[in-house]
Amino acid sequence: MGKVVVLILGLALVAFVAKTALDRTASPRAEHSAPRRQLDQVRDKAHDLERQQQEAVDKAAAQADTR
C-alpha cells in the first residue's frame, strides 16, 4: 500500500514539473526586446500606410467613376 502511494505521489510530482516547464516555454514573454518592439512598430506603420494608400486609390477610382 505504501509503495502505491509513493508511486502515485511521484507520478503526480513528475506531471506537475512537466506541466510547469511546458507552460513556461509555450507562452510568449510579456516583455519584448527593443528590436522586436521596433519591428512591430515598423509593421504597424507599414500597415497604416498601405491602408491610407488603398483609401486614396479607392477615392480616386470613385471620383473617376462619377465623371
PDB file of N, CA and C in Angstrom:
ATOM      1  N   MET A   1       0.831  -1.194   0.000  1.00  0.00           N
ATOM      2  CA  MET A   1       0.000   0.000   0.000  1.00  0.00           C
ATOM      3  C   MET A   1       0.869   1.249   0.000  1.00  0.00           C
ATOM      4  N   GLY A   2       1.926   1.249   0.786  1.00  0.00           N
ATOM      5  CA  GLY A   2       2.815   2.397   0.876  1.00  0.00           C
ATOM      6  C   GLY A   2       3.546   2.658  -0.429  1.00  0.00           C
ATOM      7  N   LYS A   3       3.936   1.569  -1.117  1.00  0.00           N
ATOM      8  CA  LYS A   3       4.630   1.726  -2.393  1.00  0.00           C
ATOM      9  C   LYS A   3       3.711   2.332  -3.453  1.00  0.00           C
ATOM     10  N   VAL A   4       2.453   1.985  -3.406  1.00  0.00           N
ATOM     11  CA  VAL A   4       1.492   2.520  -4.366  1.00  0.00           C
ATOM     12  C   VAL A   4       1.293   4.019  -4.133  1.00  0.00           C
ATOM     13  N   VAL A   5       1.179   4.421  -2.881  1.00  0.00           N
ATOM     14  CA  VAL A   5       1.010   5.837  -2.549  1.00  0.00           C
ATOM     15  C   VAL A   5       2.239   6.627  -2.985  1.00  0.00           C
ATOM     16  N   VAL A   6       3.424   6.094  -2.719  1.00  0.00           N
ATOM     17  CA  VAL A   6       4.658   6.757  -3.126  1.00  0.00           C
ATOM     18  C   VAL A   6       4.728   6.850  -4.650  1.00  0.00           C
ATOM     19  N   LEU A   7       4.327   5.796  -5.346  1.00  0.00           N
ATOM     20  CA  LEU A   7       4.327   5.797  -6.803  1.00  0.00           C
ATOM     21  C   LEU A   7       3.369   6.859  -7.351  1.00  0.00           C
ATOM     22  N   ILE A   8       2.183   6.933  -6.797  1.00  0.00           N
ATOM     23  CA  ILE A   8       1.194   7.913  -7.253  1.00  0.00           C
ATOM     24  C   ILE A   8       1.683   9.334  -6.974  1.00  0.00           C
ATOM     25  N   LEU A   9       2.221   9.577  -5.800  1.00  0.00           N
ATOM     26  CA  LEU A   9       2.743  10.909  -5.485  1.00  0.00           C
ATOM     27  C   LEU A   9       3.930  11.269  -6.384  1.00  0.00           C
ATOM     28  N   GLY A  10       4.766  10.308  -6.669  1.00  0.00           N
ATOM     29  CA  GLY A  10       5.908  10.545  -7.562  1.00  0.00           C
ATOM     30  C   GLY A  10       5.451  10.891  -8.968  1.00  0.00           C
ATOM     31  N   LEU A  11       4.476  10.154  -9.469  1.00  0.00           N
ATOM     32  CA  LEU A  11       3.951  10.450 -10.801  1.00  0.00           C
ATOM     33  C   LEU A  11       3.270  11.813 -10.839  1.00  0.00           C
ATOM     34  N   ALA A  12       2.570  12.149  -9.780  1.00  0.00           N
ATOM     35  CA  ALA A  12       1.921  13.462  -9.716  1.00  0.00           C
ATOM     36  C   ALA A  12       2.974  14.573  -9.710  1.00  0.00           C
ATOM     37  N   LEU A  13       4.056  14.368  -8.989  1.00  0.00           N
ATOM     38  CA  LEU A  13       5.131  15.355  -8.944  1.00  0.00           C
ATOM     39  C   LEU A  13       5.782  15.516 -10.315  1.00  0.00           C
ATOM     40  N   VAL A  14       6.049  14.416 -10.995  1.00  0.00           N
ATOM     41  CA  VAL A  14       6.654  14.468 -12.328  1.00  0.00           C
ATOM     42  C   VAL A  14       5.713  15.172 -13.306  1.00  0.00           C
ATOM     43  N   ALA A  15       4.419  14.870 -13.224  1.00  0.00           N
ATOM     44  CA  ALA A  15       3.453  15.518 -14.110  1.00  0.00           C
ATOM     45  C   ALA A  15       3.387  17.021 -13.843  1.00  0.00           C
ATOM     46  N   PHE A  16       3.422  17.407 -12.583  1.00  0.00           N
ATOM     47  CA  PHE A  16       3.375  18.828 -12.232  1.00  0.00           C
ATOM     48  C   PHE A  16       4.606  19.558 -12.753  1.00  0.00           C
ATOM     49  N   VAL A  17       5.767  18.970 -12.575  1.00  0.00           N
ATOM     50  CA  VAL A  17       7.012  19.600 -13.045  1.00  0.00           C
ATOM     51  C   VAL A  17       6.996  19.714 -14.566  1.00  0.00           C
ATOM     52  N   ALA A  18       6.554  18.675 -15.249  1.00  0.00           N
ATOM     53  CA  ALA A  18       6.498  18.714 -16.713  1.00  0.00           C
ATOM     54  C   ALA A  18       5.511  19.776 -17.186  1.00  0.00           C
ATOM     55  N   LYS A  19       4.367  19.869 -16.535  1.00  0.00           N
ATOM     56  CA  LYS A  19       3.357  20.849 -16.922  1.00  0.00           C
ATOM     57  C   LYS A  19       3.868  22.274 -16.736  1.00  0.00           C
ATOM     58  N   THR A  20       4.503  22.556 -15.610  1.00  0.00           N
ATOM     59  CA  THR A  20       5.010  23.914 -15.381  1.00  0.00           C
ATOM     60  C   THR A  20       6.145  24.245 -16.350  1.00  0.00           C
ATOM     61  N   ALA A  21       6.980  23.264 -16.669  1.00  0.00           N
ATOM     62  CA  ALA A  21       8.071  23.510 -17.619  1.00  0.00           C
ATOM     63  C   ALA A  21       7.514  23.799 -19.008  1.00  0.00           C
ATOM     64  N   LEU A  22       6.505  23.075 -19.420  1.00  0.00           N
ATOM     65  CA  LEU A  22       5.912  23.300 -20.735  1.00  0.00           C
ATOM     66  C   LEU A  22       5.128  24.608 -20.778  1.00  0.00           C
ATOM     67  N   ASP A  23       4.490  24.981 -19.698  1.00  0.00           N
ATOM     68  CA  ASP A  23       3.747  26.243 -19.672  1.00  0.00           C
ATOM     69  C   ASP A  23       4.679  27.431 -19.825  1.00  0.00           C
ATOM     70  N   ARG A  24       5.846  27.340 -19.262  1.00  0.00           N
ATOM     71  CA  ARG A  24       6.808  28.453 -19.364  1.00  0.00           C
ATOM     72  C   ARG A  24       7.338  28.594 -20.777  1.00  0.00           C
ATOM     73  N   THR A  25       7.565  27.483 -21.456  1.00  0.00           N
ATOM     74  CA  THR A  25       8.129  27.554 -22.800  1.00  0.00           C
ATOM     75  C   THR A  25       7.066  27.843 -23.847  1.00  0.00           C
ATOM     76  N   ALA A  26       5.813  27.521 -23.578  1.00  0.00           N
ATOM     77  CA  ALA A  26       4.765  27.711 -24.580  1.00  0.00           C
ATOM     78  C   ALA A  26       4.278  29.138 -24.648  1.00  0.00           C
ATOM     79  N   SER A  27       4.252  29.833 -23.540  1.00  0.00           N
ATOM     80  CA  SER A  27       3.713  31.198 -23.540  1.00  0.00           C
ATOM     81  C   SER A  27       4.807  32.194 -23.896  1.00  0.00           C
ATOM     82  N   PRO A  28       4.451  33.184 -24.743  1.00  0.00           N
ATOM     83  CA  PRO A  28       5.449  34.203 -25.087  1.00  0.00           C
ATOM     84  C   PRO A  28       5.701  35.126 -23.908  1.00  0.00           C
ATOM     85  N   ARG A  29       6.876  35.694 -23.894  1.00  0.00           N
ATOM     86  CA  ARG A  29       7.213  36.622 -22.813  1.00  0.00           C
ATOM     87  C   ARG A  29       6.372  37.871 -22.934  1.00  0.00           C
ATOM     88  N   ALA A  30       6.017  38.430 -21.804  1.00  0.00           N
ATOM     89  CA  ALA A  30       5.221  39.654 -21.803  1.00  0.00           C
ATOM     90  C   ALA A  30       6.047  40.829 -22.316  1.00  0.00           C
ATOM     91  N   GLU A  31       7.317  40.827 -22.002  1.00  0.00           N
ATOM     92  CA  GLU A  31       8.191  41.910 -22.431  1.00  0.00           C
ATOM     93  C   GLU A  31       8.950  41.479 -23.676  1.00  0.00           C
ATOM     94  N   HIS A  32       8.968  42.343 -24.676  1.00  0.00           N
ATOM     95  CA  HIS A  32       9.720  42.049 -25.884  1.00  0.00           C
ATOM     96  C   HIS A  32      11.001  42.861 -25.872  1.00  0.00           C
ATOM     97  N   SER A  33      11.950  42.368 -26.609  1.00  0.00           N
ATOM     98  CA  SER A  33      13.212  43.085 -26.704  1.00  0.00           C
ATOM     99  C   SER A  33      13.013  44.347 -27.541  1.00  0.00           C
ATOM    100  N   ALA A  34      13.963  45.239 -27.436  1.00  0.00           N
ATOM    101  CA  ALA A  34      13.874  46.503 -28.170  1.00  0.00           C
ATOM    102  C   ALA A  34      13.795  46.285 -29.685  1.00  0.00           C
ATOM    103  N   PRO A  35      14.601  45.407 -30.266  1.00  0.00           N
ATOM    104  CA  PRO A  35      14.471  45.187 -31.719  1.00  0.00           C
ATOM    105  C   PRO A  35      13.097  44.628 -32.100  1.00  0.00           C
ATOM    106  N   ARG A  36      12.550  43.776 -31.250  1.00  0.00           N
ATOM    107  CA  ARG A  36      11.225  43.216 -31.539  1.00  0.00           C
ATOM    108  C   ARG A  36      10.160  44.313 -31.494  1.00  0.00           C
ATOM    109  N   ARG A  37      10.242  45.202 -30.506  1.00  0.00           N
ATOM    110  CA  ARG A  37       9.286  46.313 -30.425  1.00  0.00           C
ATOM    111  C   ARG A  37       9.421  47.225 -31.640  1.00  0.00           C
ATOM    112  N   GLN A  38      10.658  47.492 -32.055  1.00  0.00           N
ATOM    113  CA  GLN A  38      10.889  48.353 -33.211  1.00  0.00           C
ATOM    114  C   GLN A  38      10.311  47.710 -34.468  1.00  0.00           C
ATOM    115  N   LEU A  39      10.510  46.426 -34.631  1.00  0.00           N
ATOM    116  CA  LEU A  39       9.964  45.714 -35.787  1.00  0.00           C
ATOM    117  C   LEU A  39       8.440  45.754 -35.773  1.00  0.00           C
ATOM    118  N   ASP A  40       7.847  45.585 -34.611  1.00  0.00           N
ATOM    119  CA  ASP A  40       6.389  45.666 -34.507  1.00  0.00           C
ATOM    120  C   ASP A  40       5.893  47.053 -34.887  1.00  0.00           C
ATOM    121  N   GLN A  41       6.615  48.092 -34.468  1.00  0.00           N
ATOM    122  CA  GLN A  41       6.217  49.456 -34.820  1.00  0.00           C
ATOM    123  C   GLN A  41       6.327  49.703 -36.320  1.00  0.00           C
ATOM    124  N   VAL A  42       7.378  49.163 -36.938  1.00  0.00           N
ATOM    125  CA  VAL A  42       7.551  49.315 -38.382  1.00  0.00           C
ATOM    126  C   VAL A  42       6.428  48.602 -39.117  1.00  0.00           C
ATOM    127  N   ARG A  43       6.080  47.412 -38.663  1.00  0.00           N
ATOM    128  CA  ARG A  43       4.978  46.672 -39.290  1.00  0.00           C
ATOM    129  C   ARG A  43       3.665  47.432 -39.157  1.00  0.00           C
ATOM    130  N   ASP A  44       3.414  47.985 -37.994  1.00  0.00           N
ATOM    131  CA  ASP A  44       2.181  48.751 -37.784  1.00  0.00           C
ATOM    132  C   ASP A  44       2.148  49.976 -38.694  1.00  0.00           C
ATOM    133  N   LYS A  45       3.271  50.677 -38.812  1.00  0.00           N
ATOM    134  CA  LYS A  45       3.339  51.864 -39.662  1.00  0.00           C
ATOM    135  C   LYS A  45       3.140  51.478 -41.128  1.00  0.00           C
ATOM    136  N   ALA A  46       3.745  50.378 -41.549  1.00  0.00           N
ATOM    137  CA  ALA A  46       3.581  49.921 -42.930  1.00  0.00           C
ATOM    138  C   ALA A  46       2.123  49.567 -43.206  1.00  0.00           C
ATOM    139  N   HIS A  47       1.487  48.931 -42.242  1.00  0.00           N
ATOM    140  CA  HIS A  47       0.070  48.593 -42.393  1.00  0.00           C
ATOM    141  C   HIS A  47      -0.775  49.854 -42.518  1.00  0.00           C
ATOM    142  N   ASP A  48      -0.487  50.865 -41.701  1.00  0.00           N
ATOM    143  CA  ASP A  48      -1.214  52.132 -41.771  1.00  0.00           C
ATOM    144  C   ASP A  48      -1.015  52.811 -43.123  1.00  0.00           C
ATOM    145  N   LEU A  49       0.225  52.809 -43.618  1.00  0.00           N
ATOM    146  CA  LEU A  49       0.498  53.435 -44.916  1.00  0.00           C
ATOM    147  C   LEU A  49      -0.223  52.705 -46.041  1.00  0.00           C
ATOM    148  N   GLU A  50      -0.238  51.378 -46.004  1.00  0.00           N
ATOM    149  CA  GLU A  50      -0.950  50.609 -47.022  1.00  0.00           C
ATOM    150  C   GLU A  50      -2.444  50.917 -46.990  1.00  0.00           C
ATOM    151  N   ARG A  51      -2.991  51.046 -45.803  1.00  0.00           N
ATOM    152  CA  ARG A  51      -4.406  51.357 -45.666  1.00  0.00           C
ATOM    153  C   ARG A  51      -4.703  52.740 -46.226  1.00  0.00           C
ATOM    154  N   GLN A  52      -3.853  53.718 -45.919  1.00  0.00           N
ATOM    155  CA  GLN A  52      -4.046  55.076 -46.423  1.00  0.00           C
ATOM    156  C   GLN A  52      -3.944  55.120 -47.948  1.00  0.00           C
ATOM    157  N   GLN A  53      -2.982  54.392 -48.496  1.00  0.00           N
ATOM    158  CA  GLN A  53      -2.828  54.371 -49.950  1.00  0.00           C
ATOM    159  C   GLN A  53      -4.031  53.711 -50.620  1.00  0.00           C
ATOM    160  N   GLN A  54      -4.533  52.646 -50.020  1.00  0.00           N
ATOM    161  CA  GLN A  54      -5.700  51.979 -50.586  1.00  0.00           C
ATOM    162  C   GLN A  54      -6.921  52.890 -50.535  1.00  0.00           C
ATOM    163  N   GLU A  55      -7.067  53.628 -49.443  1.00  0.00           N
ATOM    164  CA  GLU A  55      -8.181  54.577 -49.347  1.00  0.00           C
ATOM    165  C   GLU A  55      -8.061  55.665 -50.408  1.00  0.00           C
ATOM    166  N   ALA A  56      -6.836  56.144 -50.667  1.00  0.00           N
ATOM    167  CA  ALA A  56      -6.629  57.166 -51.688  1.00  0.00           C
ATOM    168  C   ALA A  56      -6.963  56.623 -53.075  1.00  0.00           C
ATOM    169  N   VAL A  57      -6.567  55.390 -53.353  1.00  0.00           N
ATOM    170  CA  VAL A  57      -6.868  54.771 -54.645  1.00  0.00           C
ATOM    171  C   VAL A  57      -8.374  54.576 -54.790  1.00  0.00           C
ATOM    172  N   ASP A  58      -9.032  54.113 -53.746  1.00  0.00           N
ATOM    173  CA  ASP A  58     -10.482  53.921 -53.792  1.00  0.00           C
ATOM    174  C   ASP A  58     -11.199  55.248 -54.024  1.00  0.00           C
ATOM    175  N   LYS A  59     -10.718  56.297 -53.394  1.00  0.00           N
ATOM    176  CA  LYS A  59     -11.330  57.623 -53.545  1.00  0.00           C
ATOM    177  C   LYS A  59     -11.140  58.120 -54.973  1.00  0.00           C
ATOM    178  N   ALA A  60      -9.939  57.946 -55.518  1.00  0.00           N
ATOM    179  CA  ALA A  60      -9.678  58.380 -56.884  1.00  0.00           C
ATOM    180  C   ALA A  60     -10.517  57.572 -57.870  1.00  0.00           C
ATOM    181  N   ALA A  61     -10.673  56.282 -57.623  1.00  0.00           N
ATOM    182  CA  ALA A  61     -11.493  55.447 -58.502  1.00  0.00           C
ATOM    183  C   ALA A  61     -12.959  55.870 -58.428  1.00  0.00           C
ATOM    184  N   ALA A  62     -13.428  56.216 -57.246  1.00  0.00           N
ATOM    185  CA  ALA A  62     -14.806  56.659 -57.097  1.00  0.00           C
ATOM    186  C   ALA A  62     -15.020  57.979 -57.822  1.00  0.00           C
ATOM    187  N   GLN A  63     -14.061  58.888 -57.770  1.00  0.00           N
ATOM    188  CA  GLN A  63     -14.171  60.166 -58.466  1.00  0.00           C
ATOM    189  C   GLN A  63     -14.138  59.971 -59.976  1.00  0.00           C
ATOM    190  N   ALA A  64     -13.327  59.029 -60.434  1.00  0.00           N
ATOM    191  CA  ALA A  64     -13.246  58.759 -61.871  1.00  0.00           C
ATOM    192  C   ALA A  64     -14.543  58.147 -62.371  1.00  0.00           C
ATOM    193  N   ASP A  65     -15.212  57.355 -61.543  1.00  0.00           N
ATOM    194  CA  ASP A  65     -16.472  56.732 -61.937  1.00  0.00           C
ATOM    195  C   ASP A  65     -17.595  57.747 -62.033  1.00  0.00           C
ATOM    196  N   THR A  66     -17.539  58.795 -61.236  1.00  0.00           N
ATOM    197  CA  THR A  66     -18.609  59.779 -61.232  1.00  0.00           C
ATOM    198  C   THR A  66     -18.484  60.779 -62.372  1.00  0.00           C
ATOM    199  N   ARG A  67     -17.366  60.826 -63.034  1.00  0.00           N
ATOM    200  CA  ARG A  67     -17.176  61.788 -64.137  1.00  0.00           C
ATOM    201  C   ARG A  67     -17.749  61.281 -65.423  1.00  0.00           C
TER     202      ARG A  67
END
